[in-house]
């Protein structure tokens, strides 16, 4: 008898059913880069890289 349970998050779909949009991904990545650059400019390196 196998007692291991697997749980699936509600509303999640298997990876195969998810559509991949390369333009959406590129726009998101550019947004992340711009956000990081703005943090460095306004907060300095300590605002981004906390050691």
PDB file of N, CA and C in Angstrom:
ATOM      1  N   UNK A   1       0.848  -1.174   0.000  1.00  0.00           N
ATOM      2  CA  UNK A   1       0.000   0.000   0.000  1.00  0.00           C
ATOM      3  C   UNK A   1       0.893   1.236   0.000  1.00  0.00           C
ATOM      4  N   UNK A   2       0.676   2.108  -0.947  1.00  0.00           N
ATOM      5  CA  UNK A   2       1.476   3.314  -1.074  1.00  0.00           C
ATOM      6  C   UNK A   2       0.805   4.453  -0.321  1.00  0.00           C
ATOM      7  N   UNK A   3       1.506   5.025   0.651  1.00  0.00           N
ATOM      8  CA  UNK A   3       0.904   6.082   1.467  1.00  0.00           C
ATOM      9  C   UNK A   3       1.346   7.474   1.032  1.00  0.00           C
ATOM     10  N   UNK A   4       2.219   7.539   0.041  1.00  0.00           N
ATOM     11  CA  UNK A   4       2.694   8.847  -0.421  1.00  0.00           C
ATOM     12  C   UNK A   4       1.579   9.554  -1.191  1.00  0.00           C
ATOM     13  N   UNK A   5       1.386  10.834  -0.867  1.00  0.00           N
ATOM     14  CA  UNK A   5       0.337  11.601  -1.531  1.00  0.00           C
ATOM     15  C   UNK A   5       0.971  12.727  -2.339  1.00  0.00           C
ATOM     16  N   UNK A   6       0.401  13.001  -3.444  1.00  0.00           N
ATOM     17  CA  UNK A   6       0.855  14.149  -4.223  1.00  0.00           C
ATOM     18  C   UNK A   6      -0.276  15.155  -4.258  1.00  0.00           C
ATOM     19  N   UNK A   7       0.069  16.405  -4.045  1.00  0.00           N
ATOM     20  CA  UNK A   7      -0.941  17.448  -4.064  1.00  0.00           C
ATOM     21  C   UNK A   7      -0.691  18.361  -5.246  1.00  0.00           C
ATOM     22  N   UNK A   8      -1.746  18.880  -5.788  1.00  0.00           N
ATOM     23  CA  UNK A   8      -1.667  19.759  -6.937  1.00  0.00           C
ATOM     24  C   UNK A   8      -2.308  21.076  -6.554  1.00  0.00           C
ATOM     25  N   UNK A   9      -1.646  22.170  -6.865  1.00  0.00           N
ATOM     26  CA  UNK A   9      -2.191  23.481  -6.530  1.00  0.00           C
ATOM     27  C   UNK A   9      -3.484  23.705  -7.306  1.00  0.00           C
ATOM     28  N   UNK A  10      -4.406  24.371  -6.676  1.00  0.00           N
ATOM     29  CA  UNK A  10      -5.681  24.637  -7.334  1.00  0.00           C
ATOM     30  C   UNK A  10      -5.474  25.568  -8.513  1.00  0.00           C
ATOM     31  N   UNK A  11      -6.112  25.260  -9.603  1.00  0.00           N
ATOM     32  CA  UNK A  11      -6.048  26.109 -10.774  1.00  0.00           C
ATOM     33  C   UNK A  11      -4.798  25.915 -11.611  1.00  0.00           C
ATOM     34  N   UNK A  12      -3.914  25.041 -11.188  1.00  0.00           N
ATOM     35  CA  UNK A  12      -2.697  24.841 -11.969  1.00  0.00           C
ATOM     36  C   UNK A  12      -2.968  23.850 -13.092  1.00  0.00           C
ATOM     37  N   UNK A  13      -2.242  24.035 -14.151  1.00  0.00           N
ATOM     38  CA  UNK A  13      -2.377  23.145 -15.299  1.00  0.00           C
ATOM     39  C   UNK A  13      -1.052  22.438 -15.532  1.00  0.00           C
ATOM     40  N   UNK A  14      -1.082  21.299 -16.129  1.00  0.00           N
ATOM     41  CA  UNK A  14       0.177  20.641 -16.474  1.00  0.00           C
ATOM     42  C   UNK A  14       0.981  21.509 -17.439  1.00  0.00           C
ATOM     43  N   UNK A  15       2.285  21.365 -17.425  1.00  0.00           N
ATOM     44  CA  UNK A  15       3.152  22.205 -18.248  1.00  0.00           C
ATOM     45  C   UNK A  15       2.818  22.080 -19.725  1.00  0.00           C
ATOM     46  N   UNK A  16       2.424  20.918 -20.171  1.00  0.00           N
ATOM     47  CA  UNK A  16       2.125  20.713 -21.581  1.00  0.00           C
ATOM     48  C   UNK A  16       0.936  21.525 -22.065  1.00  0.00           C
ATOM     49  N   UNK A  17      -0.023  21.818 -21.194  1.00  0.00           N
ATOM     50  CA  UNK A  17      -1.208  22.563 -21.595  1.00  0.00           C
ATOM     51  C   UNK A  17      -0.987  24.064 -21.595  1.00  0.00           C
ATOM     52  N   UNK A  18       0.048  24.515 -20.913  1.00  0.00           N
ATOM     53  CA  UNK A  18       0.305  25.942 -20.797  1.00  0.00           C
ATOM     54  C   UNK A  18       0.885  26.467 -22.101  1.00  0.00           C
ATOM     55  N   UNK A  19       0.323  27.539 -22.604  1.00  0.00           N
ATOM     56  CA  UNK A  19       0.854  28.136 -23.829  1.00  0.00           C
ATOM     57  C   UNK A  19       2.002  29.053 -23.485  1.00  0.00           C
ATOM     58  N   UNK A  20       3.027  29.003 -24.280  1.00  0.00           N
ATOM     59  CA  UNK A  20       4.197  29.834 -24.048  1.00  0.00           C
ATOM     60  C   UNK A  20       4.190  30.975 -25.061  1.00  0.00           C
ATOM     61  N   UNK A  21       4.294  32.188 -24.558  1.00  0.00           N
ATOM     62  CA  UNK A  21       4.294  33.370 -25.408  1.00  0.00           C
ATOM     63  C   UNK A  21       5.671  34.008 -25.338  1.00  0.00           C
ATOM     64  N   UNK A  22       6.470  33.889 -26.407  1.00  0.00           N
ATOM     65  CA  UNK A  22       7.823  34.433 -26.362  1.00  0.00           C
ATOM     66  C   UNK A  22       7.849  35.957 -26.206  1.00  0.00           C
ATOM     67  N   UNK A  23       6.894  36.655 -26.790  1.00  0.00           N
ATOM     68  CA  UNK A  23       6.873  38.117 -26.668  1.00  0.00           C
ATOM     69  C   UNK A  23       6.555  38.510 -25.234  1.00  0.00           C
ATOM     70  N   UNK A  24       5.592  37.836 -24.623  1.00  0.00           N
ATOM     71  CA  UNK A  24       5.243  38.128 -23.235  1.00  0.00           C
ATOM     72  C   UNK A  24       6.435  37.876 -22.315  1.00  0.00           C
ATOM     73  N   UNK A  25       7.146  36.786 -22.580  1.00  0.00           N
ATOM     74  CA  UNK A  25       8.311  36.455 -21.774  1.00  0.00           C
ATOM     75  C   UNK A  25       9.400  37.520 -21.938  1.00  0.00           C
ATOM     76  N   UNK A  26       9.617  37.979 -23.171  1.00  0.00           N
ATOM     77  CA  UNK A  26      10.634  39.007 -23.421  1.00  0.00           C
ATOM     78  C   UNK A  26      10.266  40.314 -22.738  1.00  0.00           C
ATOM     79  N   UNK A  27       8.994  40.701 -22.810  1.00  0.00           N
ATOM     80  CA  UNK A  27       8.550  41.940 -22.167  1.00  0.00           C
ATOM     81  C   UNK A  27       8.720  41.840 -20.659  1.00  0.00           C
ATOM     82  N   UNK A  28       8.402  40.691 -20.099  1.00  0.00           N
ATOM     83  CA  UNK A  28       8.568  40.492 -18.657  1.00  0.00           C
ATOM     84  C   UNK A  28      10.035  40.599 -18.256  1.00  0.00           C
ATOM     85  N   UNK A  29      10.906  39.976 -19.044  1.00  0.00           N
ATOM     86  CA  UNK A  29      12.338  40.023 -18.734  1.00  0.00           C
ATOM     87  C   UNK A  29      12.888  41.442 -18.830  1.00  0.00           C
ATOM     88  N   UNK A  30      12.445  42.199 -19.833  1.00  0.00           N
ATOM     89  CA  UNK A  30      12.884  43.592 -19.959  1.00  0.00           C
ATOM     90  C   UNK A  30      12.400  44.389 -18.754  1.00  0.00           C
ATOM     91  N   UNK A  31      11.183  44.136 -18.298  1.00  0.00           N
ATOM     92  CA  UNK A  31      10.663  44.815 -17.115  1.00  0.00           C
ATOM     93  C   UNK A  31      11.487  44.514 -15.881  1.00  0.00           C
ATOM     94  N   UNK A  32      11.908  43.281 -15.734  1.00  0.00           N
ATOM     95  CA  UNK A  32      12.727  42.895 -14.580  1.00  0.00           C
ATOM     96  C   UNK A  32      14.079  43.613 -14.636  1.00  0.00           C
ATOM     97  N   UNK A  33      14.676  43.680 -15.825  1.00  0.00           N
ATOM     98  CA  UNK A  33      15.968  44.356 -15.976  1.00  0.00           C
ATOM     99  C   UNK A  33      15.825  45.844 -15.667  1.00  0.00           C
ATOM    100  N   UNK A  34      14.775  46.487 -16.193  1.00  0.00           N
ATOM    101  CA  UNK A  34      14.564  47.913 -15.933  1.00  0.00           C
ATOM    102  C   UNK A  34      14.315  48.178 -14.453  1.00  0.00           C
ATOM    103  N   UNK A  35      13.563  47.296 -13.810  1.00  0.00           N
ATOM    104  CA  UNK A  35      13.299  47.445 -12.384  1.00  0.00           C
ATOM    105  C   UNK A  35      14.600  47.354 -11.582  1.00  0.00           C
ATOM    106  N   UNK A  36      15.419  46.373 -11.925  1.00  0.00           N
ATOM    107  CA  UNK A  36      16.695  46.206 -11.228  1.00  0.00           C
ATOM    108  C   UNK A  36      17.601  47.420 -11.455  1.00  0.00           C
ATOM    109  N   UNK A  37      17.647  47.912 -12.691  1.00  0.00           N
ATOM    110  CA  UNK A  37      18.477  49.081 -12.997  1.00  0.00           C
ATOM    111  C   UNK A  37      17.993  50.304 -12.214  1.00  0.00           C
ATOM    112  N   UNK A  38      16.676  50.488 -12.127  1.00  0.00           N
ATOM    113  CA  UNK A  38      16.132  51.627 -11.381  1.00  0.00           C
ATOM    114  C   UNK A  38      16.469  51.512  -9.900  1.00  0.00           C
ATOM    115  N   UNK A  39      16.414  50.314  -9.357  1.00  0.00           N
ATOM    116  CA  UNK A  39      16.764  50.129  -7.946  1.00  0.00           C
ATOM    117  C   UNK A  39      18.220  50.480  -7.694  1.00  0.00           C
ATOM    118  N   UNK A  40      19.108  50.084  -8.623  1.00  0.00           N
ATOM    119  CA  UNK A  40      20.526  50.391  -8.467  1.00  0.00           C
ATOM    120  C   UNK A  40      20.732  51.901  -8.523  1.00  0.00           C
ATOM    121  N   UNK A  41      20.053  52.560  -9.448  1.00  0.00           N
ATOM    122  CA  UNK A  41      20.224  54.010  -9.596  1.00  0.00           C
ATOM    123  C   UNK A  41      19.705  54.743  -8.365  1.00  0.00           C
ATOM    124  N   UNK A  42      18.523  54.394  -7.909  1.00  0.00           N
ATOM    125  CA  UNK A  42      17.900  55.142  -6.818  1.00  0.00           C
ATOM    126  C   UNK A  42      18.350  54.703  -5.424  1.00  0.00           C
ATOM    127  N   UNK A  43      18.625  53.420  -5.246  1.00  0.00           N
ATOM    128  CA  UNK A  43      18.955  52.909  -3.910  1.00  0.00           C
ATOM    129  C   UNK A  43      20.434  52.568  -3.751  1.00  0.00           C
ATOM    130  N   UNK A  44      21.139  52.529  -4.845  1.00  0.00           N
ATOM    131  CA  UNK A  44      22.537  52.107  -4.785  1.00  0.00           C
ATOM    132  C   UNK A  44      22.622  50.591  -4.732  1.00  0.00           C
ATOM    133  N   UNK A  45      23.809  50.093  -4.697  1.00  0.00           N
ATOM    134  CA  UNK A  45      23.980  48.634  -4.696  1.00  0.00           C
ATOM    135  C   UNK A  45      23.402  47.986  -3.461  1.00  0.00           C
ATOM    136  N   UNK A  46      23.355  48.699  -2.342  1.00  0.00           N
ATOM    137  CA  UNK A  46      22.814  48.106  -1.119  1.00  0.00           C
ATOM    138  C   UNK A  46      21.315  47.838  -1.239  1.00  0.00           C
ATOM    139  N   UNK A  47      20.639  48.562  -2.106  1.00  0.00           N
ATOM    140  CA  UNK A  47      19.205  48.346  -2.285  1.00  0.00           C
ATOM    141  C   UNK A  47      18.883  47.095  -3.067  1.00  0.00           C
ATOM    142  N   UNK A  48      19.867  46.568  -3.788  1.00  0.00           N
ATOM    143  CA  UNK A  48      19.643  45.386  -4.610  1.00  0.00           C
ATOM    144  C   UNK A  48      20.369  44.178  -4.040  1.00  0.00           C
ATOM    145  N   UNK A  49      21.646  44.365  -3.739  1.00  0.00           N
ATOM    146  CA  UNK A  49      22.475  43.262  -3.269  1.00  0.00           C
ATOM    147  C   UNK A  49      22.718  43.412  -1.783  1.00  0.00           C
ATOM    148  N   UNK A  50      21.941  42.711  -0.993  1.00  0.00           N
ATOM    149  CA  UNK A  50      22.118  42.782   0.469  1.00  0.00           C
ATOM    150  C   UNK A  50      22.920  41.559   0.895  1.00  0.00           C
ATOM    151  N   UNK A  51      24.020  41.829   1.528  1.00  0.00           N
ATOM    152  CA  UNK A  51      24.893  40.718   1.953  1.00  0.00           C
ATOM    153  C   UNK A  51      24.694  40.437   3.429  1.00  0.00           C
TER     154      UNK A  51
END
